[in-house]
Amino acid sequence: MDLQIALLLGQDGIVNGAVYGLMALALVLVFSVTRVIFIPQGEFVAFGALSMAALQGGRTPATLWLLVALGVMALAVEVWRWKRGATIDWRSAFTWCVAFPAIAAVLVLGLKPTSMTMQAVTTLVLIAPLGPLLYRLAYRPLADATVLMLLIVSVALHGVLVGLGLFFFGAEGSRTTPFSDVRFDIGGIPVSGQSLVVVGVTLLLVIAMFWFFGRSMVGKALRATAINRVGARLSGIPTELSGDLSFALAALIGAVSGLLIAPITTVYYDTGFLIGLKGFVAAIVGGLASYPLALAGALLVGLLEAFSSFWASAYKEVLVFTLIIPVLWWRSLRSHHVEDEE
């Protein structure tokens, strides 16, 4: 391996690590606030990329009908809870169950966006509300369940969404038009404009998230919920709405990731699962709690994947996922185990 090949592999590793970093941030966010290890996070990536491809092909994305169906089901659940005497925040219920599906329908069926910017915005409007709707239907009724039970629900939900992805989009893969066709030659190393878009958007999202959690009142409320859910509830923070918001941010991050990778690689209905798993490895490096460590873990996973593809391409995935073993071993040595009382 010479220097030029090393630089090319390093570039691929940084680009891939940027996408894995977004996945890791979303997983850490959802787990911190709701204790859910959100296995289907990668499905938002695939749905976002394939919805964008459908819009660019002049077709109606099937995710619109999924959004409408989930909205109707979630609203029916809220009405059922209200009839049983539960207190319902109707403003948030109508926002997620009615307003966003209506806006998405107007954008897709009414405006029929043709510019790339409007198609990207429409895709985000289609995918982002799926997060809180899935939370309301699958996770909120089990808010007090164990982490293992929530993980089992996540695995089941992943299977359902993968099956829906196959039904909606078929087995064929799709690519989208790149956001930038510019190409640079830096020291003999070709650098595509789309790669710079991926890294740049990732940096902007990371900065925006750190500002959101550090400076905004809503972000501080989410941090308080992550630290102590009961204490946050006693302080007047609506923890159920915190779950809605965390899942909405996770879905938004997933949709953005799908828009970023669709021009680089062919995306299939099940592509998101592998991307989500690599983001999960990065999140484990951060202990499912630290955003900076999760980002560092994502960069490590991206670089390890890139260089493994050169040295041992047949074992690339094995080497990446093996990274989780020493991390868990090291964390187990540093943790203090407490025996459960019988």
C-alpha atoms as a PDB file:
ATOM      1  CA  MET A   1       0.000   0.000   0.000  1.00  0.00           C
ATOM      2  CA  ASP A   2       1.400   3.381  -0.982  1.00  0.00           C
ATOM      3  CA  LEU A   3       0.477   6.830   0.333  1.00  0.00           C
ATOM      4  CA  GLN A   4      -2.026   7.558  -2.450  1.00  0.00           C
ATOM      5  CA  ILE A   5      -4.018   4.390  -1.762  1.00  0.00           C
ATOM      6  CA  ALA A   6      -3.928   5.127   1.975  1.00  0.00           C
ATOM      7  CA  LEU A   7      -5.315   8.605   1.359  1.00  0.00           C
ATOM      8  CA  LEU A   8      -8.078   7.220  -0.871  1.00  0.00           C
ATOM      9  CA  LEU A   9      -9.041   4.674   1.784  1.00  0.00           C
ATOM     10  CA  GLY A  10      -8.890   7.375   4.448  1.00  0.00           C
ATOM     11  CA  GLN A  11     -11.264   9.535   2.423  1.00  0.00           C
ATOM     12  CA  ASP A  12     -13.737   6.652   2.095  1.00  0.00           C
ATOM     13  CA  GLY A  13     -13.422   5.938   5.806  1.00  0.00           C
ATOM     14  CA  ILE A  14     -14.175   9.540   6.766  1.00  0.00           C
ATOM     15  CA  VAL A  15     -17.228   9.707   4.484  1.00  0.00           C
ATOM     16  CA  ASN A  16     -18.581   6.392   5.757  1.00  0.00           C
ATOM     17  CA  GLY A  17     -17.742   7.358   9.328  1.00  0.00           C
ATOM     18  CA  ALA A  18     -19.737  10.571   8.941  1.00  0.00           C
ATOM     19  CA  VAL A  19     -22.869   8.572   8.070  1.00  0.00           C
ATOM     20  CA  TYR A  20     -22.235   6.065  10.874  1.00  0.00           C
ATOM     21  CA  GLY A  21     -21.753   9.028  13.210  1.00  0.00           C
ATOM     22  CA  LEU A  22     -25.240  10.302  12.409  1.00  0.00           C
ATOM     23  CA  MET A  23     -26.629   6.833  13.100  1.00  0.00           C
ATOM     24  CA  ALA A  24     -24.757   6.658  16.395  1.00  0.00           C
ATOM     25  CA  LEU A  25     -26.035  10.070  17.496  1.00  0.00           C
ATOM     26  CA  ALA A  26     -29.619   9.040  16.773  1.00  0.00           C
ATOM     27  CA  LEU A  27     -29.252   5.750  18.650  1.00  0.00           C
ATOM     28  CA  VAL A  28     -27.674   7.416  21.686  1.00  0.00           C
ATOM     29  CA  LEU A  29     -30.389  10.093  21.699  1.00  0.00           C
ATOM     30  CA  VAL A  30     -33.263   7.599  21.597  1.00  0.00           C
ATOM     31  CA  PHE A  31     -31.724   5.273  24.177  1.00  0.00           C
ATOM     32  CA  SER A  32     -30.883   8.108  26.567  1.00  0.00           C
ATOM     33  CA  VAL A  33     -34.421   9.486  26.568  1.00  0.00           C
ATOM     34  CA  THR A  34     -36.569   6.351  26.201  1.00  0.00           C
ATOM     35  CA  ARG A  35     -34.258   3.368  27.040  1.00  0.00           C
ATOM     36  CA  VAL A  36     -35.064   1.943  23.599  1.00  0.00           C
ATOM     37  CA  ILE A  37     -32.262   0.348  21.567  1.00  0.00           C
ATOM     38  CA  PHE A  38     -33.813   1.386  18.281  1.00  0.00           C
ATOM     39  CA  ILE A  39     -32.834  -1.380  15.846  1.00  0.00           C
ATOM     40  CA  PRO A  40     -35.043   0.004  12.997  1.00  0.00           C
ATOM     41  CA  GLN A  41     -33.046   3.259  12.849  1.00  0.00           C
ATOM     42  CA  GLY A  42     -31.489   2.109   9.568  1.00  0.00           C
ATOM     43  CA  GLU A  43     -34.916   1.731   7.960  1.00  0.00           C
ATOM     44  CA  PHE A  44     -35.313   5.502   8.041  1.00  0.00           C
ATOM     45  CA  VAL A  45     -32.146   5.687   5.938  1.00  0.00           C
ATOM     46  CA  ALA A  46     -33.487   3.281   3.317  1.00  0.00           C
ATOM     47  CA  PHE A  47     -36.964   4.829   3.308  1.00  0.00           C
ATOM     48  CA  GLY A  48     -35.507   8.321   2.928  1.00  0.00           C
ATOM     49  CA  ALA A  49     -33.220   7.348   0.037  1.00  0.00           C
ATOM     50  CA  LEU A  50     -35.873   5.327  -1.811  1.00  0.00           C
ATOM     51  CA  SER A  51     -38.540   8.001  -1.291  1.00  0.00           C
ATOM     52  CA  MET A  52     -36.199  10.580  -2.799  1.00  0.00           C
ATOM     53  CA  ALA A  53     -35.536   8.245  -5.738  1.00  0.00           C
ATOM     54  CA  ALA A  54     -39.284   7.825  -6.261  1.00  0.00           C
ATOM     55  CA  LEU A  55     -39.826  11.595  -6.279  1.00  0.00           C
ATOM     56  CA  GLN A  56     -37.012  12.071  -8.786  1.00  0.00           C
ATOM     57  CA  GLY A  57     -38.577   9.363 -10.934  1.00  0.00           C
ATOM     58  CA  GLY A  58     -41.927  11.169 -10.953  1.00  0.00           C
ATOM     59  CA  ARG A  59     -43.641   8.532  -8.770  1.00  0.00           C
ATOM     60  CA  THR A  60     -45.580   8.876  -5.523  1.00  0.00           C
ATOM     61  CA  PRO A  61     -43.482   7.450  -2.660  1.00  0.00           C
ATOM     62  CA  ALA A  62     -45.254   4.620  -0.891  1.00  0.00           C
ATOM     63  CA  THR A  63     -44.034   6.074   2.397  1.00  0.00           C
ATOM     64  CA  LEU A  64     -46.833   8.642   2.031  1.00  0.00           C
ATOM     65  CA  TRP A  65     -49.437   5.910   2.462  1.00  0.00           C
ATOM     66  CA  LEU A  66     -47.447   4.422   5.349  1.00  0.00           C
ATOM     67  CA  LEU A  67     -47.416   7.835   7.035  1.00  0.00           C
ATOM     68  CA  VAL A  68     -51.162   8.296   6.542  1.00  0.00           C
ATOM     69  CA  ALA A  69     -51.926   4.780   7.830  1.00  0.00           C
ATOM     70  CA  LEU A  70     -49.749   5.218  10.930  1.00  0.00           C
ATOM     71  CA  GLY A  71     -51.357   8.609  11.577  1.00  0.00           C
ATOM     72  CA  VAL A  72     -54.858   7.113  11.468  1.00  0.00           C
ATOM     73  CA  MET A  73     -53.841   4.233  13.726  1.00  0.00           C
ATOM     74  CA  ALA A  74     -52.126   6.523  16.260  1.00  0.00           C
ATOM     75  CA  LEU A  75     -55.123   8.868  16.323  1.00  0.00           C
ATOM     76  CA  ALA A  76     -57.453   5.903  16.884  1.00  0.00           C
ATOM     77  CA  VAL A  77     -55.291   4.819  19.822  1.00  0.00           C
ATOM     78  CA  GLU A  78     -55.480   8.328  21.320  1.00  0.00           C
ATOM     79  CA  VAL A  79     -59.281   8.326  21.019  1.00  0.00           C
ATOM     80  CA  TRP A  80     -59.403   4.909  22.673  1.00  0.00           C
ATOM     81  CA  ARG A  81     -57.197   6.137  25.541  1.00  0.00           C
ATOM     82  CA  TRP A  82     -59.374   9.239  25.934  1.00  0.00           C
ATOM     83  CA  LYS A  83     -62.531   7.126  26.213  1.00  0.00           C
ATOM     84  CA  ARG A  84     -60.837   5.098  28.958  1.00  0.00           C
ATOM     85  CA  GLY A  85     -60.239   8.264  30.962  1.00  0.00           C
ATOM     86  CA  ALA A  86     -56.626   9.063  30.052  1.00  0.00           C
ATOM     87  CA  THR A  87     -55.482  12.667  29.714  1.00  0.00           C
ATOM     88  CA  ILE A  88     -54.585  13.350  26.090  1.00  0.00           C
ATOM     89  CA  ASP A  89     -52.461  16.169  24.711  1.00  0.00           C
ATOM     90  CA  TRP A  90     -54.618  16.710  21.655  1.00  0.00           C
ATOM     91  CA  ARG A  91     -52.377  19.412  20.242  1.00  0.00           C
ATOM     92  CA  SER A  92     -49.399  17.084  19.877  1.00  0.00           C
ATOM     93  CA  ALA A  93     -51.660  14.223  18.780  1.00  0.00           C
ATOM     94  CA  PHE A  94     -53.126  16.243  15.910  1.00  0.00           C
ATOM     95  CA  THR A  95     -49.685  17.608  15.011  1.00  0.00           C
ATOM     96  CA  TRP A  96     -48.159  14.173  14.446  1.00  0.00           C
ATOM     97  CA  CYS A  97     -51.266  12.244  13.362  1.00  0.00           C
ATOM     98  CA  VAL A  98     -53.043  14.814  11.170  1.00  0.00           C
ATOM     99  CA  ALA A  99     -50.959  17.906  10.389  1.00  0.00           C
ATOM    100  CA  PHE A 100     -47.766  16.245   9.165  1.00  0.00           C
ATOM    101  CA  PRO A 101     -49.526  13.592   7.014  1.00  0.00           C
ATOM    102  CA  ALA A 102     -51.670  16.369   5.504  1.00  0.00           C
ATOM    103  CA  ILE A 103     -48.629  18.529   4.743  1.00  0.00           C
ATOM    104  CA  ALA A 104     -46.837  15.545   3.211  1.00  0.00           C
ATOM    105  CA  ALA A 105     -49.878  14.739   1.040  1.00  0.00           C
ATOM    106  CA  VAL A 106     -50.066  18.343  -0.181  1.00  0.00           C
ATOM    107  CA  LEU A 107     -46.357  18.373  -1.031  1.00  0.00           C
ATOM    108  CA  VAL A 108     -46.389  15.015  -2.837  1.00  0.00           C
ATOM    109  CA  LEU A 109     -49.792  15.014  -4.537  1.00  0.00           C
ATOM    110  CA  GLY A 110     -50.455  18.743  -4.848  1.00  0.00           C
ATOM    111  CA  LEU A 111     -47.163  20.495  -5.500  1.00  0.00           C
ATOM    112  CA  LYS A 112     -45.397  17.486  -7.075  1.00  0.00           C
ATOM    113  CA  PRO A 113     -41.917  18.918  -6.419  1.00  0.00           C
ATOM    114  CA  THR A 114     -39.492  18.954  -9.331  1.00  0.00           C
ATOM    115  CA  SER A 115     -36.513  20.836  -7.889  1.00  0.00           C
ATOM    116  CA  MET A 116     -33.993  18.827  -5.891  1.00  0.00           C
ATOM    117  CA  THR A 117     -34.334  21.113  -2.879  1.00  0.00           C
ATOM    118  CA  MET A 118     -38.098  20.687  -2.667  1.00  0.00           C
ATOM    119  CA  GLN A 119     -37.781  16.949  -3.227  1.00  0.00           C
ATOM    120  CA  ALA A 120     -35.350  16.740  -0.308  1.00  0.00           C
ATOM    121  CA  VAL A 121     -37.652  18.811   1.912  1.00  0.00           C
ATOM    122  CA  THR A 122     -40.626  16.646   0.925  1.00  0.00           C
ATOM    123  CA  THR A 123     -38.652  13.507   1.784  1.00  0.00           C
ATOM    124  CA  LEU A 124     -37.826  14.881   5.224  1.00  0.00           C
ATOM    125  CA  VAL A 125     -41.493  15.751   5.821  1.00  0.00           C
ATOM    126  CA  LEU A 126     -42.432  12.207   4.796  1.00  0.00           C
ATOM    127  CA  ILE A 127     -39.910  10.399   7.007  1.00  0.00           C
ATOM    128  CA  ALA A 128     -39.514  12.546  10.153  1.00  0.00           C
ATOM    129  CA  PRO A 129     -43.103  12.027  11.489  1.00  0.00           C
ATOM    130  CA  LEU A 130     -42.733   8.248  11.163  1.00  0.00           C
ATOM    131  CA  GLY A 131     -40.518   8.283  14.270  1.00  0.00           C
ATOM    132  CA  PRO A 132     -43.028   9.700  16.783  1.00  0.00           C
ATOM    133  CA  LEU A 133     -45.890   7.722  15.227  1.00  0.00           C
ATOM    134  CA  LEU A 134     -43.968   4.458  15.673  1.00  0.00           C
ATOM    135  CA  TYR A 135     -43.107   5.523  19.212  1.00  0.00           C
ATOM    136  CA  ARG A 136     -46.766   6.169  20.036  1.00  0.00           C
ATOM    137  CA  LEU A 137     -47.895   2.839  18.598  1.00  0.00           C
ATOM    138  CA  ALA A 138     -45.092   0.472  19.609  1.00  0.00           C
ATOM    139  CA  TYR A 139     -43.124   1.922  22.527  1.00  0.00           C
ATOM    140  CA  ARG A 140     -45.194   4.355  24.566  1.00  0.00           C
ATOM    141  CA  PRO A 141     -47.577   1.639  25.856  1.00  0.00           C
ATOM    142  CA  LEU A 142     -44.450  -0.171  27.125  1.00  0.00           C
ATOM    143  CA  ALA A 143     -42.734   2.871  28.634  1.00  0.00           C
ATOM    144  CA  ASP A 144     -42.204   1.090  31.967  1.00  0.00           C
ATOM    145  CA  ALA A 145     -41.074  -2.229  30.476  1.00  0.00           C
ATOM    146  CA  THR A 146     -37.550  -3.586  30.814  1.00  0.00           C
ATOM    147  CA  VAL A 147     -34.826  -2.740  28.317  1.00  0.00           C
ATOM    148  CA  LEU A 148     -34.888  -6.366  27.131  1.00  0.00           C
ATOM    149  CA  MET A 149     -38.613  -6.184  26.374  1.00  0.00           C
ATOM    150  CA  LEU A 150     -38.122  -2.924  24.467  1.00  0.00           C
ATOM    151  CA  LEU A 151     -35.274  -4.551  22.521  1.00  0.00           C
ATOM    152  CA  ILE A 152     -37.527  -7.457  21.537  1.00  0.00           C
ATOM    153  CA  VAL A 153     -40.129  -4.972  20.293  1.00  0.00           C
ATOM    154  CA  SER A 154     -37.410  -3.183  18.299  1.00  0.00           C
ATOM    155  CA  VAL A 155     -36.353  -6.428  16.605  1.00  0.00           C
ATOM    156  CA  ALA A 156     -39.976  -7.224  15.733  1.00  0.00           C
ATOM    157  CA  LEU A 157     -40.555  -3.702  14.420  1.00  0.00           C
ATOM    158  CA  HIS A 158     -37.415  -3.982  12.303  1.00  0.00           C
ATOM    159  CA  GLY A 159     -38.783  -7.131  10.671  1.00  0.00           C
ATOM    160  CA  VAL A 160     -42.087  -5.423   9.930  1.00  0.00           C
ATOM    161  CA  LEU A 161     -40.457  -2.335   8.405  1.00  0.00           C
ATOM    162  CA  VAL A 162     -38.067  -4.394   6.251  1.00  0.00           C
ATOM    163  CA  GLY A 163     -41.032  -6.364   4.927  1.00  0.00           C
ATOM    164  CA  LEU A 164     -42.916  -3.148   4.202  1.00  0.00           C
ATOM    165  CA  GLY A 165     -39.847  -1.763   2.452  1.00  0.00           C
ATOM    166  CA  LEU A 166     -39.745  -4.803   0.156  1.00  0.00           C
ATOM    167  CA  PHE A 167     -43.476  -4.469  -0.513  1.00  0.00           C
ATOM    168  CA  PHE A 168     -43.298  -0.713  -1.172  1.00  0.00           C
ATOM    169  CA  PHE A 169     -40.094  -0.420  -3.186  1.00  0.00           C
ATOM    170  CA  GLY A 170     -39.386  -3.913  -4.504  1.00  0.00           C
ATOM    171  CA  ALA A 171     -36.056  -5.729  -4.548  1.00  0.00           C
ATOM    172  CA  GLU A 172     -34.422  -3.373  -7.050  1.00  0.00           C
ATOM    173  CA  GLY A 173     -32.004  -0.781  -5.760  1.00  0.00           C
ATOM    174  CA  SER A 174     -32.037   2.926  -6.592  1.00  0.00           C
ATOM    175  CA  ARG A 175     -29.677   5.873  -6.729  1.00  0.00           C
ATOM    176  CA  THR A 176     -30.442   9.565  -6.725  1.00  0.00           C
ATOM    177  CA  THR A 177     -28.933  12.584  -8.410  1.00  0.00           C
ATOM    178  CA  PRO A 178     -25.944  13.919  -6.419  1.00  0.00           C
ATOM    179  CA  PHE A 179     -26.291  17.276  -4.723  1.00  0.00           C
ATOM    180  CA  SER A 180     -22.931  18.290  -6.187  1.00  0.00           C
ATOM    181  CA  ASP A 181     -21.245  17.101  -9.396  1.00  0.00           C
ATOM    182  CA  VAL A 182     -18.051  19.021  -8.677  1.00  0.00           C
ATOM    183  CA  ARG A 183     -14.832  17.016  -8.601  1.00  0.00           C
ATOM    184  CA  PHE A 184     -11.501  18.079  -7.179  1.00  0.00           C
ATOM    185  CA  ASP A 185      -8.013  16.696  -7.596  1.00  0.00           C
ATOM    186  CA  ILE A 186      -6.036  17.293  -4.418  1.00  0.00           C
ATOM    187  CA  GLY A 187      -2.470  16.012  -4.631  1.00  0.00           C
ATOM    188  CA  GLY A 188      -3.506  13.401  -7.176  1.00  0.00           C
ATOM    189  CA  ILE A 189      -6.409  12.241  -4.955  1.00  0.00           C
ATOM    190  CA  PRO A 190      -9.865  12.612  -6.589  1.00  0.00           C
ATOM    191  CA  VAL A 191     -12.422  14.111  -4.210  1.00  0.00           C
ATOM    192  CA  SER A 192     -16.090  14.254  -5.230  1.00  0.00           C
ATOM    193  CA  GLY A 193     -18.351  17.133  -4.326  1.00  0.00           C
ATOM    194  CA  GLN A 194     -20.918  14.696  -2.898  1.00  0.00           C
ATOM    195  CA  SER A 195     -18.332  13.413  -0.399  1.00  0.00           C
ATOM    196  CA  LEU A 196     -17.754  16.982   0.758  1.00  0.00           C
ATOM    197  CA  VAL A 197     -21.528  17.444   1.035  1.00  0.00           C
ATOM    198  CA  VAL A 198     -21.743  14.356   3.268  1.00  0.00           C
ATOM    199  CA  VAL A 199     -18.990  15.541   5.600  1.00  0.00           C
ATOM    200  CA  GLY A 200     -20.226  19.143   5.607  1.00  0.00           C
ATOM    201  CA  VAL A 201     -23.853  18.289   6.381  1.00  0.00           C
ATOM    202  CA  THR A 202     -22.721  15.899   9.100  1.00  0.00           C
ATOM    203  CA  LEU A 203     -20.628  18.615  10.750  1.00  0.00           C
ATOM    204  CA  LEU A 204     -23.541  21.055  10.565  1.00  0.00           C
ATOM    205  CA  LEU A 205     -25.918  18.534  12.129  1.00  0.00           C
ATOM    206  CA  VAL A 206     -23.454  17.690  14.893  1.00  0.00           C
ATOM    207  CA  ILE A 207     -22.932  21.380  15.718  1.00  0.00           C
ATOM    208  CA  ALA A 208     -26.699  21.979  15.619  1.00  0.00           C
ATOM    209  CA  MET A 209     -27.335  19.052  17.977  1.00  0.00           C
ATOM    210  CA  PHE A 210     -24.716  20.199  20.488  1.00  0.00           C
ATOM    211  CA  TRP A 211     -26.211  23.688  20.409  1.00  0.00           C
ATOM    212  CA  PHE A 212     -29.717  22.266  20.762  1.00  0.00           C
ATOM    213  CA  PHE A 213     -28.884  20.169  23.817  1.00  0.00           C
ATOM    214  CA  GLY A 214     -26.629  22.770  25.398  1.00  0.00           C
ATOM    215  CA  ARG A 215     -28.507  26.024  24.840  1.00  0.00           C
ATOM    216  CA  SER A 216     -32.189  25.469  24.012  1.00  0.00           C
ATOM    217  CA  MET A 217     -34.847  24.865  26.672  1.00  0.00           C
ATOM    218  CA  VAL A 218     -36.295  21.890  24.810  1.00  0.00           C
ATOM    219  CA  GLY A 219     -32.850  20.321  24.499  1.00  0.00           C
ATOM    220  CA  LYS A 220     -32.206  20.776  28.212  1.00  0.00           C
ATOM    221  CA  ALA A 221     -35.571  19.146  28.929  1.00  0.00           C
ATOM    222  CA  LEU A 222     -34.523  16.151  26.841  1.00  0.00           C
ATOM    223  CA  ARG A 223     -31.225  15.963  28.732  1.00  0.00           C
ATOM    224  CA  ALA A 224     -33.080  16.072  32.041  1.00  0.00           C
ATOM    225  CA  THR A 225     -35.361  13.250  30.876  1.00  0.00           C
ATOM    226  CA  ALA A 226     -32.322  11.222  29.847  1.00  0.00           C
ATOM    227  CA  ILE A 227     -30.641  11.704  33.228  1.00  0.00           C
ATOM    228  CA  ASN A 228     -33.684  11.068  35.444  1.00  0.00           C
ATOM    229  CA  ARG A 229     -37.047  10.350  33.852  1.00  0.00           C
ATOM    230  CA  VAL A 230     -38.983  10.364  37.143  1.00  0.00           C
ATOM    231  CA  GLY A 231     -37.316  13.558  38.349  1.00  0.00           C
ATOM    232  CA  ALA A 232     -38.019  15.244  35.020  1.00  0.00           C
ATOM    233  CA  ARG A 233     -41.682  14.258  35.261  1.00  0.00           C
ATOM    234  CA  LEU A 234     -41.886  15.637  38.804  1.00  0.00           C
ATOM    235  CA  SER A 235     -40.320  18.867  37.542  1.00  0.00           C
ATOM    236  CA  GLY A 236     -43.135  19.305  35.038  1.00  0.00           C
ATOM    237  CA  ILE A 237     -41.375  18.048  31.911  1.00  0.00           C
ATOM    238  CA  PRO A 238     -43.786  16.045  29.718  1.00  0.00           C
ATOM    239  CA  THR A 239     -41.720  12.887  29.288  1.00  0.00           C
ATOM    240  CA  GLU A 240     -44.126  11.415  26.717  1.00  0.00           C
ATOM    241  CA  LEU A 241     -43.536  14.435  24.479  1.00  0.00           C
ATOM    242  CA  SER A 242     -39.800  13.945  25.053  1.00  0.00           C
ATOM    243  CA  GLY A 243     -40.184  10.504  23.521  1.00  0.00           C
ATOM    244  CA  ASP A 244     -42.014  11.989  20.542  1.00  0.00           C
ATOM    245  CA  LEU A 245     -39.298  14.569  19.982  1.00  0.00           C
ATOM    246  CA  SER A 246     -36.388  12.137  20.359  1.00  0.00           C
ATOM    247  CA  PHE A 247     -37.912   9.736  17.830  1.00  0.00           C
ATOM    248  CA  ALA A 248     -38.684  12.624  15.466  1.00  0.00           C
ATOM    249  CA  LEU A 249     -35.047  13.755  15.614  1.00  0.00           C
ATOM    250  CA  ALA A 250     -33.864  10.174  15.070  1.00  0.00           C
ATOM    251  CA  ALA A 251     -36.124   9.795  12.023  1.00  0.00           C
ATOM    252  CA  LEU A 252     -34.973  13.159  10.682  1.00  0.00           C
ATOM    253  CA  ILE A 253     -31.317  12.175  11.088  1.00  0.00           C
ATOM    254  CA  GLY A 254     -32.024   8.862   9.364  1.00  0.00           C
ATOM    255  CA  ALA A 255     -33.757  10.599   6.447  1.00  0.00           C
ATOM    256  CA  VAL A 256     -30.856  13.044   6.052  1.00  0.00           C
ATOM    257  CA  SER A 257     -28.425  10.127   6.058  1.00  0.00           C
ATOM    258  CA  GLY A 258     -30.449   8.446   3.323  1.00  0.00           C
ATOM    259  CA  LEU A 259     -30.374  11.584   1.201  1.00  0.00           C
ATOM    260  CA  LEU A 260     -26.599  11.809   1.647  1.00  0.00           C
ATOM    261  CA  ILE A 261     -25.690   8.231   0.730  1.00  0.00           C
ATOM    262  CA  ALA A 262     -28.217   7.642  -2.086  1.00  0.00           C
ATOM    263  CA  PRO A 263     -26.061   9.435  -4.713  1.00  0.00           C
ATOM    264  CA  ILE A 264     -22.947   7.511  -3.591  1.00  0.00           C
ATOM    265  CA  THR A 265     -24.173   3.935  -3.404  1.00  0.00           C
ATOM    266  CA  THR A 266     -27.167   1.936  -4.604  1.00  0.00           C
ATOM    267  CA  VAL A 267     -29.725   1.690  -1.821  1.00  0.00           C
ATOM    268  CA  TYR A 268     -31.987  -1.349  -1.449  1.00  0.00           C
ATOM    269  CA  TYR A 269     -34.944  -1.886   0.846  1.00  0.00           C
ATOM    270  CA  ASP A 270     -32.712  -3.606   3.445  1.00  0.00           C
ATOM    271  CA  THR A 271     -29.578  -1.470   3.075  1.00  0.00           C
ATOM    272  CA  GLY A 272     -30.345   0.513   6.201  1.00  0.00           C
ATOM    273  CA  PHE A 273     -30.006  -2.470   8.521  1.00  0.00           C
ATOM    274  CA  LEU A 274     -26.259  -2.866   7.982  1.00  0.00           C
ATOM    275  CA  ILE A 275     -25.709   0.894   8.230  1.00  0.00           C
ATOM    276  CA  GLY A 276     -27.702   0.996  11.453  1.00  0.00           C
ATOM    277  CA  LEU A 277     -25.699  -1.905  12.909  1.00  0.00           C
ATOM    278  CA  LYS A 278     -22.415  -0.126  12.216  1.00  0.00           C
ATOM    279  CA  GLY A 279     -23.862   2.990  13.825  1.00  0.00           C
ATOM    280  CA  PHE A 280     -24.778   0.782  16.794  1.00  0.00           C
ATOM    281  CA  VAL A 281     -21.161  -0.399  17.084  1.00  0.00           C
ATOM    282  CA  ALA A 282     -20.087   3.249  17.166  1.00  0.00           C
ATOM    283  CA  ALA A 283     -22.745   4.004  19.798  1.00  0.00           C
ATOM    284  CA  ILE A 284     -21.476   1.112  21.925  1.00  0.00           C
ATOM    285  CA  VAL A 285     -17.999   2.668  21.836  1.00  0.00           C
ATOM    286  CA  GLY A 286     -19.655   5.703  23.435  1.00  0.00           C
ATOM    287  CA  GLY A 287     -21.447   3.522  25.974  1.00  0.00           C
ATOM    288  CA  LEU A 288     -24.828   4.519  24.477  1.00  0.00           C
ATOM    289  CA  ALA A 289     -24.439   7.699  26.503  1.00  0.00           C
ATOM    290  CA  SER A 290     -21.609   9.899  25.187  1.00  0.00           C
ATOM    291  CA  TYR A 291     -22.125  11.793  21.930  1.00  0.00           C
ATOM    292  CA  PRO A 292     -18.434  12.719  21.418  1.00  0.00           C
ATOM    293  CA  LEU A 293     -17.280   9.142  22.031  1.00  0.00           C
ATOM    294  CA  ALA A 294     -19.978   7.845  19.688  1.00  0.00           C
ATOM    295  CA  LEU A 295     -18.697  10.175  16.955  1.00  0.00           C
ATOM    296  CA  ALA A 296     -15.127   9.023  17.587  1.00  0.00           C
ATOM    297  CA  GLY A 297     -16.332   5.424  17.436  1.00  0.00           C
ATOM    298  CA  ALA A 298     -18.078   6.102  14.121  1.00  0.00           C
ATOM    299  CA  LEU A 299     -14.880   7.504  12.621  1.00  0.00           C
ATOM    300  CA  LEU A 300     -12.999   4.442  13.893  1.00  0.00           C
ATOM    301  CA  VAL A 301     -15.600   2.103  12.355  1.00  0.00           C
ATOM    302  CA  GLY A 302     -15.466   3.950   9.029  1.00  0.00           C
ATOM    303  CA  LEU A 303     -11.678   3.843   8.820  1.00  0.00           C
ATOM    304  CA  LEU A 304     -11.532   0.205   9.934  1.00  0.00           C
ATOM    305  CA  GLU A 305     -14.075  -0.730   7.280  1.00  0.00           C
ATOM    306  CA  ALA A 306     -12.213   1.160   4.548  1.00  0.00           C
ATOM    307  CA  PHE A 307      -8.784  -0.310   5.293  1.00  0.00           C
ATOM    308  CA  SER A 308     -10.234  -3.782   5.900  1.00  0.00           C
ATOM    309  CA  SER A 309     -11.767  -3.704   2.428  1.00  0.00           C
ATOM    310  CA  PHE A 310      -8.211  -3.354   1.058  1.00  0.00           C
ATOM    311  CA  TRP A 311      -6.383  -5.847   3.248  1.00  0.00           C
ATOM    312  CA  ALA A 312      -9.107  -8.478   3.733  1.00  0.00           C
ATOM    313  CA  SER A 313     -12.257  -7.563   1.824  1.00  0.00           C
ATOM    314  CA  ALA A 314     -13.901 -10.950   2.472  1.00  0.00           C
ATOM    315  CA  TYR A 315     -13.672 -10.353   6.235  1.00  0.00           C
ATOM    316  CA  LYS A 316     -14.500  -6.651   6.202  1.00  0.00           C
ATOM    317  CA  GLU A 317     -17.794  -6.960   8.072  1.00  0.00           C
ATOM    318  CA  VAL A 318     -16.336  -9.499  10.510  1.00  0.00           C
ATOM    319  CA  LEU A 319     -13.520  -7.141  11.496  1.00  0.00           C
ATOM    320  CA  VAL A 320     -15.906  -4.204  11.943  1.00  0.00           C
ATOM    321  CA  PHE A 321     -18.343  -6.067  14.167  1.00  0.00           C
ATOM    322  CA  THR A 322     -15.549  -7.761  16.120  1.00  0.00           C
ATOM    323  CA  LEU A 323     -14.630  -4.283  17.345  1.00  0.00           C
ATOM    324  CA  ILE A 324     -17.563  -4.461  19.741  1.00  0.00           C
ATOM    325  CA  ILE A 325     -16.004  -7.342  21.731  1.00  0.00           C
ATOM    326  CA  PRO A 326     -12.949  -5.551  23.213  1.00  0.00           C
ATOM    327  CA  VAL A 327     -15.076  -2.459  23.866  1.00  0.00           C
ATOM    328  CA  LEU A 328     -17.641  -4.444  25.861  1.00  0.00           C
ATOM    329  CA  TRP A 329     -14.863  -6.334  27.667  1.00  0.00           C
ATOM    330  CA  TRP A 330     -13.159  -3.088  28.656  1.00  0.00           C
ATOM    331  CA  ARG A 331     -16.411  -1.545  29.824  1.00  0.00           C
ATOM    332  CA  SER A 332     -17.313  -4.638  31.829  1.00  0.00           C
ATOM    333  CA  LEU A 333     -14.007  -4.344  33.719  1.00  0.00           C
ATOM    334  CA  ARG A 334     -14.730  -0.706  34.583  1.00  0.00           C
ATOM    335  CA  SER A 335     -18.346  -1.212  35.632  1.00  0.00           C
ATOM    336  CA  HIS A 336     -19.445  -2.011  39.172  1.00  0.00           C
ATOM    337  CA  HIS A 337     -21.891  -4.901  39.255  1.00  0.00           C
ATOM    338  CA  VAL A 338     -24.575  -4.949  41.932  1.00  0.00           C
ATOM    339  CA  GLU A 339     -26.254  -8.210  42.863  1.00  0.00           C
ATOM    340  CA  ASP A 340     -30.038  -8.096  42.603  1.00  0.00           C
ATOM    341  CA  GLU A 341     -31.885  -8.708  45.847  1.00  0.00           C
ATOM    342  CA  GLU A 342     -33.983 -11.867  45.772  1.00  0.00           C
END
